[in-house]
Amino acid sequence: MSKDVLNSKFVLNKYAKERRFEESDHSLLGRLLTVRCNDMKLRTIGDLSQLKNLVKLYVRNNDIESLRNVETSPNLTHLYIINNSLYELDSVSRLSKLEKIYAGKNRIQVIEGFTNLDNLRELHIENQKLFPGEKMHLEPESLSTLKNLEVLNVSGNGLATMEFCAFLSKLVSLRCEDNNITRFNELKVLKNCHELRYVHMKGNPIAKMSKYRDNIILNVKKIEQIDDKDVTRNEINFLRKWNDFRISQSQESLRLQRRHEAHTLVDYGHHNGLPSGYAHVQELLKKRSDIDYSLSATHLGSNYTKPVKWSRSACQRPNSPVEGERPTVVATEINPPDPAAGDVNVLVGGGENEKQNQKPLMLVPQKNVSLERYLEDGN
């Protein structure tokens, strides 16, 4: 029998003194609920199928490298395998009744492949014996299968992110001490941990920053303790009210800024799909000007084809149109204005029926009339 393999024979020798009078090996192994084999220089876990009622296994401070035979104890609920040489924990997925795993101080670098562990309440994988520069990687999708996990200890593993908490909605206690968390933004993921009450993060760079404690309180709704120090109700209420005030101030400032930008846009274009503002008036004036430039001798009553400009102010009508008729434009040209001096022509008009209104519109030059003044004087 190998002295470094944990199997049924090894357990029989270990617990021989607990044998009852004339009790069989099968009976002894069958009634054992707890097996403690700490500091026994064990390297392998062998066949434990005869320990049918085993629920707690303690194998601390050995040199065990694998859990490949652990499924031979299907009723196991507590596994204490601290300070061994494990490289993975995938095999524990075969133990559907597991409630607690203590696997700190091993050589586990990647946590993945967890399935069928709906009963797991505690996972302790702190202080893995990694090479310098290495860090543990916790796959968020794998941890998402741990739907009922309440306690997680990942201290001392070189972690730089807290994404692994994204799906742990029932987590109550988190120990993430002595890692490499450097940004407060990493704490935002803790909002997904709706039942979180105890947070321990001392030994991280952010723990030395101002407002470290404040940031945890603002991101953990049910927080009760930070780094073993209680959080008072008054502290929580003050910080959250102050934070709400700052948020409301920021939102109000943003609303005013958008309102100002919206008003500015109305003056230079279209609002809600409708033409408006100064730019639209300019566009209309240009269109009118383009039409007037096309007036020829047919309109003017002569062979004169010089362009004519519109004006809506300072009109003089020699004769009014017939009542009820819509005014039209008939124009004659007089001394052309000087554009460089700001002059404009003013049309003075008659009626829709030219035969009833023999006196045509007259163009009256206006000196130094600006576009703004023109708009103010018009109807």
Protein backbone atom coordinates (compact mmCIF):
# COMPACT_ATOMS: atom_id res chain seq x y z
CA MET A 1 0.00 0.00 0.00
CA SER A 2 1.34 3.39 -1.02
CA LYS A 3 1.60 5.79 1.86
CA ASP A 4 1.02 8.87 -0.35
CA VAL A 5 -2.40 7.84 -1.78
CA LEU A 6 -5.60 8.65 0.07
CA ASN A 7 -7.93 5.67 -0.38
CA SER A 8 -10.18 3.37 1.71
CA LYS A 9 -7.27 1.32 3.12
CA PHE A 10 -5.44 4.47 4.15
CA VAL A 11 -8.54 5.67 6.00
CA LEU A 12 -9.01 2.27 7.72
CA ASN A 13 -5.51 2.44 9.17
CA LYS A 14 -6.01 6.05 10.19
CA TYR A 15 -9.30 5.35 12.02
CA ALA A 16 -8.63 1.81 13.32
CA LYS A 17 -8.95 2.95 16.90
CA GLU A 18 -12.54 4.01 16.26
CA ARG A 19 -13.65 0.54 15.23
CA ARG A 20 -16.45 -0.82 17.34
CA PHE A 21 -16.46 -4.37 18.78
CA GLU A 22 -16.35 -6.85 15.91
CA GLU A 23 -17.27 -4.09 13.46
CA SER A 24 -16.47 -4.83 9.83
CA ASP A 25 -14.35 -2.63 7.57
CA HIS A 26 -17.36 -1.93 5.42
CA SER A 27 -19.39 -0.78 8.43
CA LEU A 28 -16.61 1.42 9.77
CA LEU A 29 -16.02 3.18 6.45
CA GLY A 30 -19.76 3.49 5.82
CA ARG A 31 -20.44 5.43 9.01
CA LEU A 32 -17.59 7.90 8.75
CA LEU A 33 -18.94 11.42 8.08
CA THR A 34 -15.65 13.32 8.45
CA VAL A 35 -12.12 12.32 7.45
CA ARG A 36 -9.11 14.39 8.51
CA CYS A 37 -5.81 13.64 6.81
CA ASN A 38 -3.86 16.85 7.21
CA ASP A 39 -0.05 16.95 7.04
CA MET A 40 0.23 13.34 5.81
CA LYS A 41 2.45 13.92 2.74
CA LEU A 42 -0.34 12.75 0.44
CA ARG A 43 0.11 13.16 -3.32
CA THR A 44 -3.05 11.59 -4.75
CA ILE A 45 -6.69 11.02 -3.88
CA GLY A 46 -7.65 7.44 -4.73
CA ASP A 47 -10.84 5.38 -4.50
CA LEU A 48 -13.08 6.50 -1.64
CA SER A 49 -16.23 4.76 -2.85
CA GLN A 50 -16.59 2.74 0.39
CA LEU A 51 -16.99 5.96 2.36
CA LYS A 52 -20.59 6.31 1.22
CA ASN A 53 -21.63 8.85 3.85
CA LEU A 54 -18.51 11.02 3.76
CA VAL A 55 -19.53 14.70 3.80
CA LYS A 56 -16.39 16.50 5.05
CA LEU A 57 -12.85 15.87 3.82
CA TYR A 58 -9.83 17.66 5.30
CA VAL A 59 -6.53 17.18 3.43
CA ARG A 60 -4.62 20.36 4.29
CA ASN A 61 -0.86 20.77 3.93
CA ASN A 62 -0.18 17.85 1.61
CA ASP A 63 1.15 17.66 -1.95
CA ILE A 64 -2.01 16.63 -3.82
CA GLU A 65 -1.92 17.61 -7.50
CA SER A 66 -5.29 16.35 -8.77
CA LEU A 67 -8.90 15.71 -7.71
CA ARG A 68 -9.68 13.28 -10.53
CA ASN A 69 -10.99 10.53 -8.19
CA VAL A 70 -12.96 12.81 -5.91
CA GLU A 71 -16.25 11.82 -7.58
CA THR A 72 -16.08 8.53 -5.68
CA SER A 73 -17.45 10.53 -2.72
CA PRO A 74 -20.72 11.84 -4.22
CA ASN A 75 -22.14 13.02 -0.87
CA LEU A 76 -19.24 15.34 -0.10
CA THR A 77 -20.40 18.81 1.01
CA HIS A 78 -17.20 20.32 2.48
CA LEU A 79 -13.76 20.05 0.87
CA TYR A 80 -10.72 21.48 2.68
CA ILE A 81 -7.67 21.11 0.41
CA ILE A 82 -5.66 24.19 1.46
CA ASN A 83 -1.91 24.35 0.76
CA ASN A 84 -1.47 21.57 -1.79
CA SER A 85 -0.26 21.50 -5.41
CA LEU A 86 -3.56 21.61 -7.34
CA TYR A 87 -3.48 23.14 -10.83
CA GLU A 88 -7.23 23.02 -11.48
CA LEU A 89 -10.60 22.66 -9.79
CA ASP A 90 -12.66 21.44 -12.75
CA SER A 91 -13.14 17.99 -11.22
CA VAL A 92 -15.26 19.31 -8.35
CA SER A 93 -18.12 19.85 -10.82
CA ARG A 94 -18.85 16.15 -10.34
CA LEU A 95 -19.72 16.78 -6.70
CA SER A 96 -23.19 18.30 -7.03
CA LYS A 97 -23.73 18.45 -3.24
CA LEU A 98 -20.67 20.57 -2.50
CA GLU A 99 -21.42 23.59 -0.32
CA LYS A 100 -17.94 24.80 0.65
CA ILE A 101 -14.56 24.64 -1.11
CA TYR A 102 -11.40 25.78 0.68
CA ALA A 103 -8.60 25.60 -1.89
CA GLY A 104 -6.27 28.47 -1.01
CA LYS A 105 -2.48 28.27 -1.40
CA ASN A 106 -2.40 25.92 -4.39
CA ARG A 107 -1.14 26.52 -7.93
CA ILE A 108 -4.44 27.33 -9.62
CA GLN A 109 -4.09 30.03 -12.27
CA VAL A 110 -7.40 29.68 -14.14
CA ILE A 111 -10.88 29.19 -12.71
CA GLU A 112 -13.24 27.87 -15.37
CA GLY A 113 -15.50 24.97 -16.22
CA PHE A 114 -17.68 25.13 -13.11
CA THR A 115 -20.98 23.32 -13.74
CA ASN A 116 -23.53 21.45 -11.67
CA LEU A 117 -22.63 23.31 -8.45
CA ASP A 118 -25.97 24.86 -7.57
CA ASN A 119 -25.45 24.13 -3.87
CA LEU A 120 -22.07 25.82 -3.56
CA ARG A 121 -22.21 28.62 -0.96
CA GLU A 122 -18.52 29.36 -0.30
CA LEU A 123 -15.46 29.40 -2.57
CA HIS A 124 -12.05 30.19 -1.05
CA ILE A 125 -9.19 30.31 -3.58
CA GLU A 126 -6.92 32.95 -2.05
CA ASN A 127 -3.13 33.30 -2.25
CA GLN A 128 -2.33 30.88 -5.05
CA LYS A 129 1.35 30.01 -5.40
CA LEU A 130 1.93 31.58 -8.81
CA PHE A 131 5.19 32.57 -10.47
CA PRO A 132 6.25 36.23 -10.28
CA GLY A 133 4.27 38.33 -12.77
CA GLU A 134 1.48 35.77 -13.11
CA LYS A 135 -2.06 36.45 -12.00
CA MET A 136 -5.20 34.40 -11.62
CA HIS A 137 -7.87 34.52 -14.32
CA LEU A 138 -11.47 34.06 -13.24
CA GLU A 139 -13.82 33.41 -16.14
CA PRO A 140 -17.04 35.44 -15.45
CA GLU A 141 -19.14 33.00 -17.49
CA SER A 142 -17.93 30.06 -15.41
CA LEU A 143 -18.67 31.81 -12.14
CA SER A 144 -22.12 32.72 -13.46
CA THR A 145 -23.14 29.08 -12.93
CA LEU A 146 -22.59 29.52 -9.19
CA LYS A 147 -26.06 30.94 -8.73
CA ASN A 148 -26.15 30.58 -4.94
CA LEU A 149 -22.59 31.61 -4.07
CA GLU A 150 -22.55 33.79 -0.94
CA VAL A 151 -18.88 33.94 0.09
CA LEU A 152 -15.93 34.46 -2.26
CA ASN A 153 -12.27 34.88 -1.28
CA VAL A 154 -9.84 35.75 -4.11
CA SER A 155 -7.26 37.71 -2.10
CA GLY A 156 -3.59 37.80 -3.09
CA ASN A 157 -3.93 36.62 -6.71
CA GLY A 158 -2.71 39.66 -8.68
CA LEU A 159 -6.20 40.51 -9.96
CA ALA A 160 -6.52 43.81 -11.86
CA THR A 161 -10.25 43.61 -12.65
CA MET A 162 -13.43 42.68 -10.84
CA GLU A 163 -15.44 41.48 -13.81
CA PHE A 164 -15.81 38.07 -12.15
CA CYS A 165 -18.46 39.60 -9.85
CA ALA A 166 -20.77 40.49 -12.72
CA PHE A 167 -23.11 37.50 -12.29
CA LEU A 168 -22.84 36.85 -8.55
CA SER A 169 -26.19 38.35 -7.58
CA LYS A 170 -26.43 36.48 -4.24
CA LEU A 171 -22.91 37.24 -3.03
CA VAL A 172 -22.90 38.45 0.59
CA SER A 173 -19.18 38.60 1.46
CA LEU A 174 -16.26 39.43 -0.85
CA ARG A 175 -12.59 39.25 0.07
CA CYS A 176 -10.41 40.74 -2.65
CA GLU A 177 -7.47 41.96 -0.58
CA ASP A 178 -3.84 42.36 -1.73
CA ASN A 179 -4.57 42.44 -5.45
CA ASN A 180 -3.90 45.08 -8.12
CA ILE A 181 -7.22 46.96 -8.39
CA THR A 182 -6.25 50.52 -9.39
CA ARG A 183 -9.46 52.17 -10.65
CA PHE A 184 -12.70 53.08 -8.91
CA ASN A 185 -14.57 52.16 -12.12
CA GLU A 186 -13.92 48.50 -11.26
CA LEU A 187 -16.20 48.89 -8.24
CA LYS A 188 -19.25 49.61 -10.41
CA VAL A 189 -19.69 45.91 -11.12
CA LEU A 190 -20.54 45.43 -7.44
CA LYS A 191 -23.95 46.96 -8.16
CA ASN A 192 -24.84 43.57 -9.65
CA CYS A 193 -24.25 41.92 -6.26
CA HIS A 194 -27.63 42.80 -4.79
CA GLU A 195 -27.04 41.04 -1.44
CA LEU A 196 -23.44 42.15 -0.84
CA ARG A 197 -22.81 43.39 2.72
CA TYR A 198 -19.13 42.77 3.53
CA VAL A 199 -16.32 44.05 1.30
CA HIS A 200 -12.62 43.62 2.09
CA MET A 201 -10.19 45.27 -0.34
CA LYS A 202 -7.29 46.58 1.72
CA GLY A 203 -3.90 46.04 0.13
CA ASN A 204 -5.11 47.24 -3.29
CA PRO A 205 -3.87 50.56 -4.77
CA ILE A 206 -7.39 52.05 -4.61
CA ALA A 207 -7.52 51.43 -0.84
CA LYS A 208 -4.91 54.20 -0.44
CA MET A 209 -6.87 56.72 -2.52
CA SER A 210 -9.18 59.38 -1.13
CA LYS A 211 -12.89 58.55 -1.32
CA TYR A 212 -12.12 54.81 -1.46
CA ARG A 213 -14.64 54.08 1.26
CA ASP A 214 -17.18 56.49 -0.30
CA ASN A 215 -17.01 54.72 -3.65
CA ILE A 216 -17.73 51.33 -2.10
CA ILE A 217 -20.70 52.73 -0.17
CA LEU A 218 -22.16 54.31 -3.32
CA ASN A 219 -21.81 51.10 -5.33
CA VAL A 220 -22.94 48.55 -2.73
CA LYS A 221 -26.57 49.06 -1.82
CA LYS A 222 -26.65 46.92 1.37
CA ILE A 223 -23.11 47.56 2.59
CA GLU A 224 -22.54 46.95 6.32
CA GLN A 225 -18.77 46.56 6.66
CA ILE A 226 -15.66 47.66 4.75
CA ASP A 227 -12.29 46.15 5.68
CA ASP A 228 -13.69 44.93 9.02
CA LYS A 229 -14.96 48.44 9.91
CA ASP A 230 -18.70 48.98 10.29
CA VAL A 231 -20.54 51.39 8.00
CA THR A 232 -23.08 53.54 9.88
CA ARG A 233 -26.53 54.38 8.58
CA ASN A 234 -25.80 58.12 8.91
CA GLU A 235 -22.69 57.74 6.77
CA ILE A 236 -24.67 55.93 4.08
CA ASN A 237 -27.54 58.46 4.03
CA PHE A 238 -25.24 61.49 3.87
CA LEU A 239 -23.12 60.14 1.01
CA ARG A 240 -26.09 58.99 -1.07
CA LYS A 241 -28.00 62.27 -0.64
CA TRP A 242 -24.90 64.25 -1.57
CA ASN A 243 -24.36 62.05 -4.61
CA ASP A 244 -28.00 62.45 -5.69
CA PHE A 245 -27.64 66.23 -5.39
CA ARG A 246 -24.52 66.24 -7.57
CA ILE A 247 -26.24 64.09 -10.20
CA SER A 248 -29.30 66.39 -10.29
CA GLN A 249 -27.06 69.46 -10.64
CA SER A 250 -25.21 67.84 -13.51
CA GLN A 251 -28.45 66.87 -15.26
CA GLU A 252 -29.85 70.39 -14.86
CA SER A 253 -26.68 71.90 -16.30
CA LEU A 254 -26.86 69.52 -19.26
CA ARG A 255 -30.55 70.36 -19.81
CA LEU A 256 -29.84 74.11 -19.87
CA GLN A 257 -26.97 73.61 -22.28
CA ARG A 258 -29.14 71.61 -24.67
CA ARG A 259 -31.90 74.20 -24.41
CA HIS A 260 -29.47 76.99 -25.29
CA GLU A 261 -28.15 74.99 -28.26
CA ALA A 262 -31.71 74.34 -29.44
CA HIS A 263 -32.57 78.06 -29.36
CA THR A 264 -29.42 78.88 -31.26
CA LEU A 265 -30.31 76.39 -33.97
CA VAL A 266 -33.77 77.97 -34.48
CA ASP A 267 -32.17 81.25 -35.56
CA TYR A 268 -30.09 79.66 -38.30
CA GLY A 269 -32.12 76.92 -39.89
CA HIS A 270 -35.16 74.73 -39.52
CA HIS A 271 -36.86 73.52 -36.35
CA ASN A 272 -38.90 70.29 -36.27
CA GLY A 273 -38.90 70.22 -40.07
CA LEU A 274 -40.47 73.71 -40.49
CA PRO A 275 -38.58 76.66 -42.07
CA SER A 276 -37.89 79.46 -39.63
CA GLY A 277 -35.47 82.16 -38.65
CA TYR A 278 -33.31 84.76 -40.27
CA ALA A 279 -31.76 82.34 -42.77
CA HIS A 280 -35.20 81.44 -44.17
CA VAL A 281 -36.09 85.11 -44.74
CA GLN A 282 -32.84 85.58 -46.63
CA GLU A 283 -33.64 82.56 -48.78
CA LEU A 284 -37.10 83.95 -49.64
CA LEU A 285 -35.64 87.32 -50.55
CA LYS A 286 -33.11 85.67 -52.85
CA LYS A 287 -35.87 83.71 -54.62
CA ARG A 288 -37.90 86.90 -55.11
CA SER A 289 -34.82 88.69 -56.39
CA ASP A 290 -34.17 85.88 -58.90
CA ILE A 291 -37.74 86.20 -60.21
CA ASP A 292 -37.51 89.97 -60.53
CA TYR A 293 -34.29 89.77 -62.49
CA SER A 294 -36.21 87.92 -65.20
CA LEU A 295 -38.65 90.81 -65.80
CA SER A 296 -38.41 92.02 -69.41
CA ALA A 297 -40.03 94.51 -71.77
CA THR A 298 -43.27 92.55 -71.72
CA HIS A 299 -43.68 93.50 -68.08
CA LEU A 300 -42.18 96.95 -68.25
CA GLY A 301 -43.99 98.19 -71.37
CA SER A 302 -40.73 98.87 -73.25
CA ASN A 303 -37.61 97.21 -74.57
CA TYR A 304 -35.79 97.85 -71.31
CA THR A 305 -34.47 94.63 -69.75
CA LYS A 306 -32.46 95.91 -66.81
CA PRO A 307 -33.05 93.82 -63.61
CA VAL A 308 -35.43 95.18 -61.02
CA LYS A 309 -35.22 94.58 -57.23
CA TRP A 310 -38.09 94.22 -54.78
CA SER A 311 -38.77 96.22 -51.65
CA ARG A 312 -41.69 95.95 -49.24
CA SER A 313 -41.32 99.38 -47.59
CA ALA A 314 -41.75 103.03 -48.58
CA CYS A 315 -44.20 102.10 -51.39
CA GLN A 316 -46.10 104.84 -53.24
CA ARG A 317 -49.13 103.75 -55.25
CA PRO A 318 -50.50 106.24 -57.83
CA ASN A 319 -53.71 104.28 -57.97
CA SER A 320 -55.27 101.57 -55.70
CA PRO A 321 -56.44 98.24 -57.11
CA VAL A 322 -60.09 97.42 -57.54
CA GLU A 323 -61.61 96.31 -54.23
CA GLY A 324 -61.53 92.51 -53.73
CA GLU A 325 -58.82 91.95 -56.35
CA ARG A 326 -55.35 90.61 -55.55
CA PRO A 327 -52.50 93.05 -56.25
CA THR A 328 -50.01 92.17 -58.96
CA VAL A 329 -46.69 93.64 -59.95
CA VAL A 330 -46.22 95.98 -62.89
CA ALA A 331 -42.92 97.83 -62.87
CA THR A 332 -41.09 100.65 -64.55
CA GLU A 333 -37.43 101.50 -64.15
CA ILE A 334 -36.11 104.81 -62.96
CA ASN A 335 -32.62 105.85 -61.97
CA PRO A 336 -30.87 102.63 -60.98
CA PRO A 337 -29.65 102.46 -57.35
CA ASP A 338 -26.08 102.20 -56.23
CA PRO A 339 -25.63 98.76 -54.51
CA ALA A 340 -22.28 99.83 -53.05
CA ALA A 341 -24.07 102.56 -51.10
CA GLY A 342 -26.69 100.20 -49.76
CA ASP A 343 -29.49 101.47 -52.04
CA VAL A 344 -32.52 99.33 -52.92
CA ASN A 345 -35.42 99.78 -55.33
CA VAL A 346 -38.93 100.01 -53.94
CA LEU A 347 -41.88 98.79 -56.03
CA VAL A 348 -45.16 100.70 -55.89
CA GLY A 349 -48.07 98.61 -57.22
CA GLY A 350 -51.47 98.41 -58.88
CA GLY A 351 -54.22 95.80 -59.32
CA GLU A 352 -54.77 92.36 -60.84
CA ASN A 353 -56.55 93.74 -63.91
CA GLU A 354 -54.07 95.95 -65.74
CA LYS A 355 -56.82 97.51 -67.86
CA GLN A 356 -58.55 98.77 -64.74
CA ASN A 357 -55.26 100.01 -63.31
CA GLN A 358 -53.48 101.78 -66.12
CA LYS A 359 -50.92 103.35 -63.80
CA PRO A 360 -48.09 100.88 -63.30
CA LEU A 361 -46.01 100.22 -60.21
CA MET A 362 -43.13 102.63 -59.72
CA LEU A 363 -39.65 101.86 -58.49
CA VAL A 364 -38.57 104.37 -55.88
CA PRO A 365 -34.86 104.30 -54.97
CA GLN A 366 -34.15 104.17 -51.19
CA LYS A 367 -30.81 105.24 -49.83
CA ASN A 368 -28.81 103.16 -47.29
CA VAL A 369 -31.55 100.66 -46.43
CA SER A 370 -30.10 97.65 -44.55
CA LEU A 371 -31.64 94.15 -44.68
CA GLU A 372 -32.41 94.26 -40.96
CA ARG A 373 -34.24 97.60 -41.32
CA TYR A 374 -36.06 96.24 -44.32
CA LEU A 375 -37.31 93.26 -42.33
CA GLU A 376 -38.39 95.46 -39.42
CA ASP A 377 -40.42 97.79 -41.67
CA GLY A 378 -42.17 95.01 -43.63
CA ASN A 379 -45.55 93.44 -42.77
